Amino acid sequence: MDSYYSSPMNEVNVLAKLADMKEDHYHQLVTLSAIIELLTEKGILTREEIEKKALEIDEFMTPPPYPSV
């Protein structure tokens, strides 16, 4: 069973999946950037509001570095 996970073909498949994920991530980032630009250009949101909300979400999603009591 270990030989399946360490086979050269499996490694190629993993690397191909990683490349696909990187490409998907790039396209999502470009789309998100376009949406942010449009929202700010139209005066719907300010960059400060977007940055503030991003920090709020990041703090919510990131666990504290130490256990809380």
Protein backbone atom coordinates (compact mmCIF):
# COMPACT_ATOMS: atom_id res chain seq x y z
CA MET A 1 0.00 0.00 0.00
CA ASP A 2 2.89 2.38 0.70
CA SER A 3 4.14 1.91 -2.85
CA TYR A 4 0.85 3.36 -4.19
CA TYR A 5 1.28 6.58 -2.24
CA SER A 6 4.92 6.99 -3.20
CA SER A 7 4.65 6.00 -6.85
CA PRO A 8 6.00 8.46 -9.41
CA MET A 9 2.60 8.63 -11.12
CA ASN A 10 0.91 9.53 -7.86
CA GLU A 11 3.48 12.29 -7.34
CA VAL A 12 2.74 13.60 -10.84
CA ASN A 13 -0.98 13.59 -10.06
CA VAL A 14 -0.45 15.47 -6.80
CA LEU A 15 1.71 18.08 -8.54
CA ALA A 16 -0.89 18.46 -11.31
CA LYS A 17 -3.64 19.00 -8.73
CA LEU A 18 -1.47 21.57 -6.97
CA ALA A 19 -0.93 23.42 -10.26
CA ASP A 20 -4.69 23.41 -10.90
CA MET A 21 -5.33 24.76 -7.41
CA LYS A 22 -2.79 27.54 -7.93
CA GLU A 23 -4.44 28.52 -11.22
CA ASP A 24 -7.89 28.49 -9.61
CA HIS A 25 -6.56 30.59 -6.73
CA TYR A 26 -5.12 33.12 -9.19
CA HIS A 27 -8.42 33.45 -11.06
CA GLN A 28 -10.34 33.86 -7.80
CA LEU A 29 -7.91 36.55 -6.69
CA VAL A 30 -8.29 38.44 -9.98
CA THR A 31 -12.09 38.25 -9.72
CA LEU A 32 -12.06 39.42 -6.12
CA SER A 33 -9.74 42.30 -7.00
CA ALA A 34 -12.07 43.35 -9.83
CA ILE A 35 -15.09 43.28 -7.50
CA ILE A 36 -13.26 45.38 -4.89
CA GLU A 37 -12.21 47.90 -7.54
CA LEU A 38 -15.76 48.20 -8.89
CA LEU A 39 -17.26 48.61 -5.41
CA THR A 40 -14.80 51.36 -4.54
CA GLU A 41 -15.06 53.10 -7.94
CA LYS A 42 -18.86 53.20 -7.64
CA GLY A 43 -18.60 54.58 -4.10
CA ILE A 44 -20.45 51.63 -2.59
CA LEU A 45 -17.63 50.75 -0.20
CA THR A 46 -14.38 52.41 0.79
CA ARG A 47 -11.05 50.63 0.91
CA GLU A 48 -10.99 51.26 4.66
CA GLU A 49 -14.33 49.46 5.09
CA ILE A 50 -13.08 46.52 3.06
CA GLU A 51 -9.81 46.35 5.01
CA LYS A 52 -11.65 46.58 8.34
CA LYS A 53 -14.01 43.74 7.39
CA ALA A 54 -11.12 41.63 6.10
CA LEU A 55 -9.33 42.05 9.44
CA GLU A 56 -12.51 41.11 11.33
CA ILE A 57 -12.92 37.95 9.28
CA ASP A 58 -9.23 37.10 9.60
CA GLU A 59 -9.36 37.47 13.38
CA PHE A 60 -12.48 35.30 13.50
CA MET A 61 -10.93 32.59 11.32
CA THR A 62 -7.47 32.60 12.92
CA PRO A 63 -7.31 30.71 16.22
CA PRO A 64 -5.30 32.31 19.04
CA PRO A 65 -1.65 31.18 19.22
CA TYR A 66 -2.18 29.82 22.71
CA PRO A 67 -5.00 27.93 24.45
CA SER A 68 -7.56 30.12 26.14
CA VAL A 69 -8.73 29.29 29.66
